[in-house]
C-alpha cells in the first residue's frame, strides 16, 4: 500500500481523517501513532496471512488496523484486517478499535462491518466492544458495530484516553 498522508491528531486533523476512504490505524503501546491514508485497499490473501503469522509478525506492543469505505455505501466502514504481535496488549487493540469508532463518528457512519476469521477472537469479547453478529445466513462470522447518537459522547471520551496529549510549547 502506498501511503499518501499521515495524520497524528484526531482533533486537529478530524476533517482530513473523515475524508479517508482507505486507511490504516497505527497504535503502539496503547497510544495512537498515526492514521494513514492509502491509495489502494490492501487485498489480503490466505498466503499473506500465513506468511505474516509465521515470519512477519509485529514485535512489541503494536497493532495495525486496515479499513475502507465500500464503494456505493459511504455510510459504512469495513474493517479489513488487523495485525498484531505476540506482545500486543489488549489496551492497544481496544484503543485501535476505539480510534476506528471515532473515525466512524467523524464520517457520520451508521456502522462498521467485519468478517472475523480468527477463532481466538471470541464472540463474547466482540460483544463487550459493542459488536453483534450480522448476516447469520452467510458463511463465516460476520459482525457489525452500529452507532447511534446516544453513545457518541461516551465513545468520544473513551477514545480520548488513547490519543497522546501534546504539550503546549
N, C-alpha and C. Protein backbone atom coordinates (compact mmCIF):
# COMPACT_ATOMS: atom_id res chain seq x y z
N UNK A 1 0.84 -1.18 0.00
CA UNK A 1 0.00 0.00 0.00
C UNK A 1 0.88 1.24 0.00
N UNK A 2 0.53 2.17 -0.83
CA UNK A 2 1.26 3.43 -0.89
C UNK A 2 0.63 4.44 0.07
N UNK A 3 1.43 4.94 0.99
CA UNK A 3 0.93 5.92 1.95
C UNK A 3 0.89 7.28 1.29
N UNK A 4 -0.26 7.93 1.33
CA UNK A 4 -0.38 9.28 0.77
C UNK A 4 -0.20 10.33 1.86
N UNK A 5 -0.91 10.17 2.94
CA UNK A 5 -0.83 11.15 4.03
C UNK A 5 -0.86 10.41 5.36
N UNK A 6 -0.34 11.08 6.37
CA UNK A 6 -0.26 10.51 7.71
C UNK A 6 -0.72 11.58 8.70
N UNK A 7 -1.70 11.24 9.52
CA UNK A 7 -2.25 12.18 10.49
C UNK A 7 -2.05 11.62 11.90
N UNK A 8 -1.72 12.50 12.83
CA UNK A 8 -1.41 12.05 14.19
C UNK A 8 -2.36 12.58 15.25
N UNK A 9 -3.28 13.44 14.90
CA UNK A 9 -4.16 14.05 15.88
C UNK A 9 -5.60 14.01 15.39
N UNK A 10 -6.44 13.26 16.11
CA UNK A 10 -7.84 13.13 15.70
C UNK A 10 -8.61 14.43 15.84
N UNK A 11 -8.21 15.27 16.75
CA UNK A 11 -8.92 16.52 16.97
C UNK A 11 -8.57 17.55 15.90
N UNK A 12 -7.28 17.81 15.73
CA UNK A 12 -6.84 18.82 14.76
C UNK A 12 -7.07 18.38 13.31
N UNK A 13 -6.87 17.10 13.03
CA UNK A 13 -6.96 16.59 11.66
C UNK A 13 -8.27 15.86 11.39
N UNK A 14 -9.29 16.11 12.21
CA UNK A 14 -10.55 15.38 12.10
C UNK A 14 -11.19 15.45 10.73
N UNK A 15 -11.21 16.62 10.11
CA UNK A 15 -11.84 16.75 8.80
C UNK A 15 -11.08 15.95 7.74
N UNK A 16 -9.76 16.00 7.78
CA UNK A 16 -8.95 15.25 6.81
C UNK A 16 -9.10 13.75 7.03
N UNK A 17 -9.10 13.33 8.29
CA UNK A 17 -9.25 11.91 8.60
C UNK A 17 -10.63 11.41 8.16
N UNK A 18 -11.65 12.24 8.34
CA UNK A 18 -13.01 11.85 7.92
C UNK A 18 -13.10 11.63 6.42
N UNK A 19 -12.21 12.26 5.64
CA UNK A 19 -12.22 12.11 4.19
C UNK A 19 -11.46 10.90 3.68
N UNK A 20 -10.80 10.18 4.56
CA UNK A 20 -10.02 9.00 4.14
C UNK A 20 -10.99 7.87 3.79
N UNK A 21 -10.82 7.30 2.59
CA UNK A 21 -11.66 6.17 2.19
C UNK A 21 -10.93 4.83 2.32
N UNK A 22 -9.61 4.84 2.35
CA UNK A 22 -8.80 3.64 2.55
C UNK A 22 -7.68 4.02 3.50
N UNK A 23 -7.66 3.40 4.69
CA UNK A 23 -6.67 3.84 5.65
C UNK A 23 -6.21 2.75 6.60
N UNK A 24 -5.25 3.15 7.42
CA UNK A 24 -4.68 2.26 8.43
C UNK A 24 -4.49 3.04 9.72
N UNK A 25 -4.89 2.43 10.82
CA UNK A 25 -4.66 2.98 12.15
C UNK A 25 -3.44 2.29 12.72
N UNK A 26 -2.48 3.07 13.20
CA UNK A 26 -1.26 2.54 13.79
C UNK A 26 -1.26 2.90 15.28
N UNK A 27 -1.28 1.87 16.12
CA UNK A 27 -1.24 2.06 17.58
C UNK A 27 0.01 1.39 18.11
N UNK A 28 0.64 2.03 19.09
CA UNK A 28 1.82 1.46 19.73
C UNK A 28 1.76 1.77 21.22
N UNK A 29 1.92 0.75 22.03
CA UNK A 29 1.92 0.89 23.49
C UNK A 29 0.70 1.65 23.99
N UNK A 30 -0.46 1.34 23.43
CA UNK A 30 -1.70 1.93 23.87
C UNK A 30 -1.95 3.35 23.41
N UNK A 31 -1.11 3.88 22.53
CA UNK A 31 -1.24 5.26 22.05
C UNK A 31 -1.37 5.29 20.53
N UNK A 32 -2.15 6.24 20.05
CA UNK A 32 -2.29 6.43 18.61
C UNK A 32 -1.00 7.02 18.05
N UNK A 33 -0.42 6.35 17.08
CA UNK A 33 0.78 6.86 16.40
C UNK A 33 0.35 7.64 15.16
N UNK A 34 -0.55 7.04 14.36
CA UNK A 34 -0.98 7.72 13.13
C UNK A 34 -2.21 7.06 12.54
N UNK A 35 -2.92 7.86 11.76
CA UNK A 35 -3.94 7.35 10.84
C UNK A 35 -3.38 7.66 9.46
N UNK A 36 -3.15 6.60 8.68
CA UNK A 36 -2.52 6.76 7.37
C UNK A 36 -3.57 6.64 6.27
N UNK A 37 -3.46 7.50 5.28
CA UNK A 37 -4.32 7.41 4.11
C UNK A 37 -3.56 6.62 3.05
N UNK A 38 -4.23 5.67 2.39
CA UNK A 38 -3.59 4.84 1.38
C UNK A 38 -4.29 5.00 0.04
N UNK A 39 -3.54 4.83 -1.01
CA UNK A 39 -4.10 4.92 -2.37
C UNK A 39 -4.95 3.71 -2.72
N UNK A 40 -4.48 2.55 -2.32
CA UNK A 40 -5.14 1.30 -2.68
C UNK A 40 -5.58 0.56 -1.44
N UNK A 41 -6.69 -0.14 -1.56
CA UNK A 41 -7.13 -1.01 -0.48
C UNK A 41 -6.23 -2.23 -0.48
N UNK A 42 -5.84 -2.65 0.68
CA UNK A 42 -4.92 -3.78 0.80
C UNK A 42 -5.66 -5.10 0.56
N UNK A 43 -5.39 -5.77 -0.57
CA UNK A 43 -6.01 -7.08 -0.78
C UNK A 43 -5.28 -8.12 0.09
N UNK A 44 -5.99 -8.78 0.94
CA UNK A 44 -5.40 -9.74 1.87
C UNK A 44 -5.67 -11.14 1.34
N UNK A 45 -4.63 -11.96 1.30
CA UNK A 45 -4.78 -13.34 0.85
C UNK A 45 -4.45 -14.29 2.00
N UNK A 46 -4.90 -15.52 1.89
CA UNK A 46 -4.60 -16.54 2.89
C UNK A 46 -3.09 -16.75 2.97
N UNK A 47 -2.41 -16.72 1.84
CA UNK A 47 -0.95 -16.89 1.84
C UNK A 47 -0.26 -15.77 2.61
N UNK A 48 -0.74 -14.55 2.44
CA UNK A 48 -0.15 -13.42 3.16
C UNK A 48 -0.38 -13.55 4.66
N UNK A 49 -1.58 -13.95 5.03
CA UNK A 49 -1.87 -14.14 6.46
C UNK A 49 -0.97 -15.22 7.04
N UNK A 50 -0.80 -16.34 6.32
CA UNK A 50 0.07 -17.41 6.80
C UNK A 50 1.51 -16.90 6.94
N UNK A 51 2.00 -16.19 5.94
CA UNK A 51 3.37 -15.69 5.96
C UNK A 51 3.59 -14.75 7.15
N UNK A 52 2.67 -13.81 7.33
CA UNK A 52 2.83 -12.85 8.42
C UNK A 52 2.71 -13.50 9.78
N UNK A 53 1.88 -14.53 9.90
CA UNK A 53 1.75 -15.18 11.20
C UNK A 53 2.97 -16.02 11.54
N UNK A 54 3.69 -16.50 10.52
CA UNK A 54 4.86 -17.33 10.78
C UNK A 54 6.19 -16.58 10.66
N UNK A 55 6.24 -15.55 9.84
CA UNK A 55 7.53 -14.89 9.59
C UNK A 55 7.52 -13.38 9.73
N UNK A 56 6.38 -12.75 9.62
CA UNK A 56 6.36 -11.29 9.56
C UNK A 56 5.58 -10.64 10.68
N UNK A 57 5.55 -11.27 11.84
CA UNK A 57 4.78 -10.72 12.94
C UNK A 57 5.35 -9.42 13.46
N UNK A 58 4.48 -8.61 13.99
CA UNK A 58 4.92 -7.36 14.59
C UNK A 58 5.61 -7.66 15.92
N UNK A 59 6.57 -6.85 16.25
CA UNK A 59 7.28 -7.02 17.51
C UNK A 59 6.81 -5.96 18.49
N UNK A 60 6.68 -6.37 19.71
CA UNK A 60 6.31 -5.41 20.74
C UNK A 60 4.81 -5.16 20.79
N UNK A 61 4.46 -4.10 21.47
CA UNK A 61 3.07 -3.74 21.72
C UNK A 61 2.58 -2.83 20.60
N UNK A 62 2.23 -3.44 19.45
CA UNK A 62 1.82 -2.68 18.27
C UNK A 62 0.62 -3.34 17.61
N UNK A 63 -0.25 -2.51 17.03
CA UNK A 63 -1.44 -3.01 16.34
C UNK A 63 -1.69 -2.14 15.11
N UNK A 64 -1.91 -2.78 13.97
CA UNK A 64 -2.25 -2.09 12.72
C UNK A 64 -3.65 -2.53 12.32
N UNK A 65 -4.50 -1.58 12.00
CA UNK A 65 -5.88 -1.88 11.67
C UNK A 65 -6.20 -1.23 10.33
N UNK A 66 -6.50 -2.02 9.30
CA UNK A 66 -6.82 -1.51 7.97
C UNK A 66 -8.34 -1.43 7.79
N UNK A 67 -8.79 -0.36 7.16
CA UNK A 67 -10.22 -0.18 6.93
C UNK A 67 -10.44 0.52 5.59
N UNK A 68 -11.67 0.45 5.09
CA UNK A 68 -12.03 1.21 3.89
C UNK A 68 -13.53 1.50 3.89
N UNK A 69 -13.91 2.45 3.04
CA UNK A 69 -15.31 2.78 2.83
C UNK A 69 -15.74 2.04 1.56
N UNK A 70 -16.72 1.14 1.65
CA UNK A 70 -17.14 0.42 0.46
C UNK A 70 -17.73 1.36 -0.59
N UNK A 71 -17.37 1.11 -1.84
CA UNK A 71 -17.91 1.91 -2.94
C UNK A 71 -19.43 1.75 -2.99
N UNK A 72 -20.13 2.86 -3.01
CA UNK A 72 -21.58 2.82 -3.07
C UNK A 72 -22.24 2.72 -1.70
N UNK A 73 -21.46 2.59 -0.63
CA UNK A 73 -22.02 2.50 0.72
C UNK A 73 -21.24 3.42 1.65
N UNK A 74 -21.30 4.70 1.39
CA UNK A 74 -20.46 5.64 2.13
C UNK A 74 -20.86 5.80 3.59
N UNK A 75 -21.99 5.26 3.99
CA UNK A 75 -22.39 5.37 5.39
C UNK A 75 -21.86 4.22 6.24
N UNK A 76 -21.00 3.37 5.65
CA UNK A 76 -20.42 2.25 6.37
C UNK A 76 -18.90 2.29 6.26
N UNK A 77 -18.25 1.69 7.25
CA UNK A 77 -16.82 1.41 7.19
C UNK A 77 -16.68 -0.10 7.24
N UNK A 78 -15.67 -0.62 6.54
CA UNK A 78 -15.37 -2.04 6.58
C UNK A 78 -14.02 -2.23 7.24
N UNK A 79 -13.98 -3.00 8.29
CA UNK A 79 -12.72 -3.36 8.94
C UNK A 79 -12.13 -4.52 8.15
N UNK A 80 -11.01 -4.25 7.44
CA UNK A 80 -10.44 -5.24 6.54
C UNK A 80 -9.52 -6.23 7.22
N UNK A 81 -8.60 -5.71 8.03
CA UNK A 81 -7.52 -6.57 8.52
C UNK A 81 -6.91 -5.96 9.76
N UNK A 82 -6.62 -6.80 10.73
CA UNK A 82 -5.95 -6.36 11.95
C UNK A 82 -4.68 -7.17 12.11
N UNK A 83 -3.56 -6.47 12.27
CA UNK A 83 -2.28 -7.13 12.54
C UNK A 83 -1.83 -6.76 13.93
N UNK A 84 -1.39 -7.76 14.66
CA UNK A 84 -0.84 -7.51 15.99
C UNK A 84 0.24 -8.54 16.25
N UNK A 85 1.09 -8.24 17.20
CA UNK A 85 2.18 -9.15 17.53
C UNK A 85 1.89 -9.90 18.81
N UNK A 86 2.81 -10.76 19.18
CA UNK A 86 2.63 -11.55 20.39
C UNK A 86 2.71 -10.67 21.63
N UNK A 87 3.34 -9.50 21.53
CA UNK A 87 3.46 -8.60 22.67
C UNK A 87 2.38 -7.54 22.73
N UNK A 88 1.40 -7.61 21.83
CA UNK A 88 0.35 -6.59 21.80
C UNK A 88 -0.58 -6.78 22.99
N UNK A 89 -0.76 -5.72 23.76
CA UNK A 89 -1.66 -5.75 24.91
C UNK A 89 -3.08 -5.42 24.46
N UNK A 90 -4.04 -5.84 25.26
CA UNK A 90 -5.44 -5.58 24.90
C UNK A 90 -5.73 -4.08 24.85
N UNK A 91 -5.04 -3.27 25.68
CA UNK A 91 -5.26 -1.83 25.66
C UNK A 91 -4.93 -1.25 24.28
N UNK A 92 -3.90 -1.77 23.64
CA UNK A 92 -3.51 -1.28 22.32
C UNK A 92 -4.55 -1.68 21.27
N UNK A 93 -5.00 -2.94 21.32
CA UNK A 93 -6.01 -3.40 20.37
C UNK A 93 -7.33 -2.66 20.57
N UNK A 94 -7.79 -2.57 21.81
CA UNK A 94 -9.04 -1.88 22.10
C UNK A 94 -8.92 -0.41 21.71
N UNK A 95 -7.75 0.18 21.94
CA UNK A 95 -7.52 1.57 21.54
C UNK A 95 -7.67 1.76 20.04
N UNK A 96 -7.13 0.82 19.25
CA UNK A 96 -7.27 0.90 17.79
C UNK A 96 -8.74 0.80 17.39
N UNK A 97 -9.49 -0.07 18.07
CA UNK A 97 -10.93 -0.18 17.79
C UNK A 97 -11.66 1.10 18.13
N UNK A 98 -11.29 1.73 19.23
CA UNK A 98 -11.93 2.99 19.64
C UNK A 98 -11.58 4.12 18.67
N UNK A 99 -10.36 4.12 18.16
CA UNK A 99 -10.00 5.14 17.16
C UNK A 99 -10.84 4.92 15.89
N UNK A 100 -11.04 3.65 15.50
CA UNK A 100 -11.91 3.39 14.35
C UNK A 100 -13.33 3.86 14.63
N UNK A 101 -13.81 3.68 15.86
CA UNK A 101 -15.13 4.20 16.23
C UNK A 101 -15.17 5.72 16.06
N UNK A 102 -14.11 6.39 16.47
CA UNK A 102 -14.07 7.85 16.36
C UNK A 102 -14.04 8.28 14.89
N UNK A 103 -13.32 7.55 14.05
CA UNK A 103 -13.31 7.86 12.62
C UNK A 103 -14.71 7.68 12.04
N UNK A 104 -15.40 6.63 12.46
CA UNK A 104 -16.78 6.41 12.02
C UNK A 104 -17.67 7.58 12.47
N UNK A 105 -17.46 8.06 13.68
CA UNK A 105 -18.24 9.21 14.17
C UNK A 105 -17.93 10.46 13.35
N UNK A 106 -16.65 10.69 13.07
CA UNK A 106 -16.27 11.86 12.26
C UNK A 106 -16.90 11.81 10.87
N UNK A 107 -17.01 10.62 10.30
CA UNK A 107 -17.60 10.45 8.98
C UNK A 107 -19.12 10.46 9.02
N UNK A 108 -19.69 10.29 10.19
CA UNK A 108 -21.14 10.18 10.29
C UNK A 108 -21.62 8.81 9.84
N UNK A 109 -20.80 7.79 10.02
CA UNK A 109 -21.13 6.43 9.58
C UNK A 109 -22.23 5.82 10.43
N UNK A 110 -23.01 4.96 9.81
CA UNK A 110 -24.05 4.24 10.52
C UNK A 110 -23.51 3.01 11.23
N UNK A 111 -22.45 2.39 10.65
CA UNK A 111 -21.94 1.15 11.23
C UNK A 111 -20.57 0.82 10.66
N UNK A 112 -19.91 -0.12 11.35
CA UNK A 112 -18.67 -0.74 10.87
C UNK A 112 -18.98 -2.23 10.73
N UNK A 113 -18.57 -2.83 9.63
CA UNK A 113 -18.79 -4.26 9.43
C UNK A 113 -17.45 -4.97 9.32
N UNK A 114 -17.45 -6.25 9.73
CA UNK A 114 -16.22 -7.05 9.68
C UNK A 114 -16.56 -8.52 9.53
N UNK A 115 -15.69 -9.24 8.85
CA UNK A 115 -15.76 -10.68 8.76
C UNK A 115 -14.61 -11.22 9.59
N UNK A 116 -14.91 -11.81 10.73
CA UNK A 116 -13.89 -12.24 11.68
C UNK A 116 -13.55 -13.70 11.42
N UNK A 117 -12.30 -13.96 11.05
CA UNK A 117 -11.89 -15.33 10.75
C UNK A 117 -11.03 -15.95 11.84
N UNK A 118 -10.45 -15.15 12.70
CA UNK A 118 -9.58 -15.66 13.75
C UNK A 118 -10.44 -16.22 14.88
N UNK A 119 -10.32 -17.53 15.12
CA UNK A 119 -11.15 -18.18 16.14
C UNK A 119 -10.76 -17.77 17.55
N UNK A 120 -9.57 -17.18 17.71
CA UNK A 120 -9.14 -16.73 19.04
C UNK A 120 -9.86 -15.44 19.46
N UNK A 121 -10.52 -14.77 18.52
CA UNK A 121 -11.32 -13.60 18.86
C UNK A 121 -12.74 -14.09 19.14
N UNK A 122 -13.09 -14.10 20.41
CA UNK A 122 -14.38 -14.68 20.80
C UNK A 122 -15.54 -13.71 20.55
N UNK A 123 -16.69 -14.31 20.39
CA UNK A 123 -17.90 -13.51 20.22
C UNK A 123 -18.17 -12.71 21.50
N UNK A 124 -17.85 -13.26 22.65
CA UNK A 124 -18.03 -12.56 23.93
C UNK A 124 -17.17 -11.29 23.98
N UNK A 125 -15.92 -11.40 23.54
CA UNK A 125 -15.03 -10.24 23.53
C UNK A 125 -15.56 -9.16 22.60
N UNK A 126 -15.99 -9.56 21.41
CA UNK A 126 -16.54 -8.59 20.46
C UNK A 126 -17.82 -7.94 20.99
N UNK A 127 -18.63 -8.70 21.68
CA UNK A 127 -19.85 -8.16 22.27
C UNK A 127 -19.51 -7.10 23.32
N UNK A 128 -18.47 -7.34 24.11
CA UNK A 128 -18.05 -6.34 25.10
C UNK A 128 -17.57 -5.06 24.43
N UNK A 129 -17.07 -5.15 23.20
CA UNK A 129 -16.62 -3.98 22.46
C UNK A 129 -17.76 -3.31 21.67
N UNK A 130 -18.96 -3.87 21.76
CA UNK A 130 -20.12 -3.26 21.10
C UNK A 130 -20.48 -3.86 19.76
N UNK A 131 -19.87 -4.99 19.40
CA UNK A 131 -20.17 -5.65 18.12
C UNK A 131 -21.28 -6.68 18.34
N UNK A 132 -22.01 -6.98 17.28
CA UNK A 132 -23.03 -8.02 17.33
C UNK A 132 -22.99 -8.83 16.04
N UNK A 133 -23.47 -10.09 16.13
CA UNK A 133 -23.50 -10.95 14.94
C UNK A 133 -24.39 -10.33 13.88
N UNK A 134 -24.01 -10.58 12.63
CA UNK A 134 -24.69 -9.95 11.50
C UNK A 134 -24.70 -10.96 10.35
N UNK A 135 -25.74 -10.95 9.56
CA UNK A 135 -25.86 -11.83 8.39
C UNK A 135 -25.61 -13.30 8.77
N UNK A 136 -26.43 -13.80 9.65
CA UNK A 136 -26.26 -15.16 10.15
C UNK A 136 -26.39 -16.21 9.05
N UNK A 137 -27.10 -15.88 7.97
CA UNK A 137 -27.28 -16.85 6.89
C UNK A 137 -26.02 -16.96 6.01
N UNK A 138 -25.08 -16.02 6.13
CA UNK A 138 -23.84 -16.08 5.34
C UNK A 138 -22.84 -17.01 6.00
N UNK A 139 -21.95 -17.51 5.20
CA UNK A 139 -20.87 -18.37 5.70
C UNK A 139 -19.86 -17.51 6.46
N UNK A 140 -19.34 -18.01 7.56
CA UNK A 140 -18.36 -17.28 8.33
C UNK A 140 -18.99 -16.50 9.47
N UNK A 141 -18.14 -15.77 10.18
CA UNK A 141 -18.59 -14.97 11.33
C UNK A 141 -18.56 -13.50 10.93
N UNK A 142 -19.73 -12.95 10.68
CA UNK A 142 -19.86 -11.55 10.29
C UNK A 142 -20.38 -10.76 11.47
N UNK A 143 -19.75 -9.61 11.71
CA UNK A 143 -20.13 -8.76 12.84
C UNK A 143 -20.36 -7.34 12.36
N UNK A 144 -21.17 -6.62 13.13
CA UNK A 144 -21.46 -5.23 12.83
C UNK A 144 -21.41 -4.43 14.12
N UNK A 145 -20.92 -3.23 14.02
CA UNK A 145 -20.89 -2.29 15.15
C UNK A 145 -21.72 -1.10 14.72
N UNK A 146 -22.96 -1.03 15.24
CA UNK A 146 -23.89 0.04 14.87
C UNK A 146 -23.67 1.24 15.78
N UNK A 147 -23.97 2.43 15.24
CA UNK A 147 -23.82 3.65 16.01
C UNK A 147 -25.14 4.38 16.10
N UNK A 148 -25.34 5.04 17.22
CA UNK A 148 -26.47 5.95 17.36
C UNK A 148 -25.98 7.17 18.12
N UNK A 149 -26.74 8.22 18.09
CA UNK A 149 -26.32 9.49 18.68
C UNK A 149 -26.16 9.43 20.19
N UNK A 150 -26.85 8.53 20.86
CA UNK A 150 -26.82 8.48 22.31
C UNK A 150 -25.46 8.04 22.85
N UNK A 151 -24.71 7.24 22.13
CA UNK A 151 -23.45 6.75 22.65
C UNK A 151 -22.25 7.53 22.13
N UNK A 152 -22.44 8.51 21.28
CA UNK A 152 -21.31 9.19 20.67
C UNK A 152 -20.46 9.93 21.70
N UNK A 153 -21.06 10.57 22.71
CA UNK A 153 -20.27 11.27 23.72
C UNK A 153 -19.45 10.30 24.56
N UNK A 154 -20.03 9.17 24.92
CA UNK A 154 -19.29 8.18 25.69
C UNK A 154 -18.14 7.61 24.87
N UNK A 155 -18.40 7.34 23.58
CA UNK A 155 -17.35 6.81 22.71
C UNK A 155 -16.22 7.81 22.57
N UNK A 156 -16.55 9.08 22.45
CA UNK A 156 -15.53 10.12 22.28
C UNK A 156 -14.65 10.20 23.52
N UNK A 157 -15.22 10.13 24.73
CA UNK A 157 -14.42 10.23 25.94
C UNK A 157 -13.50 9.03 26.09
N UNK A 158 -13.96 7.84 25.71
CA UNK A 158 -13.10 6.65 25.76
C UNK A 158 -11.98 6.79 24.76
N UNK A 159 -12.27 7.28 23.57
CA UNK A 159 -11.27 7.43 22.52
C UNK A 159 -10.18 8.41 22.94
N UNK A 160 -10.56 9.48 23.62
CA UNK A 160 -9.58 10.49 24.01
C UNK A 160 -8.50 9.93 24.93
N UNK A 161 -8.81 8.87 25.68
CA UNK A 161 -7.82 8.31 26.59
C UNK A 161 -6.69 7.59 25.84
N UNK A 162 -6.89 7.28 24.56
CA UNK A 162 -5.87 6.59 23.79
C UNK A 162 -5.04 7.52 22.91
N UNK A 163 -5.42 8.77 22.84
CA UNK A 163 -4.73 9.72 21.98
C UNK A 163 -3.71 10.49 22.82
N UNK A 164 -2.43 10.50 22.41
CA UNK A 164 -1.43 11.19 23.20
C UNK A 164 -1.70 12.69 23.26
N UNK A 165 -1.51 13.25 24.40
CA UNK A 165 -1.71 14.69 24.59
C UNK A 165 -0.44 15.42 24.18
N UNK A 166 -0.62 16.51 23.47
CA UNK A 166 0.53 17.33 23.06
C UNK A 166 0.74 18.41 24.10
N UNK A 167 1.99 18.59 24.47
CA UNK A 167 2.28 19.62 25.46
C UNK A 167 2.30 20.97 24.76
N UNK A 168 1.81 21.98 25.46
CA UNK A 168 1.79 23.34 24.91
C UNK A 168 3.20 23.93 25.03
N UNK A 169 3.77 24.34 23.91
CA UNK A 169 5.11 24.91 23.93
C UNK A 169 5.07 26.36 23.55
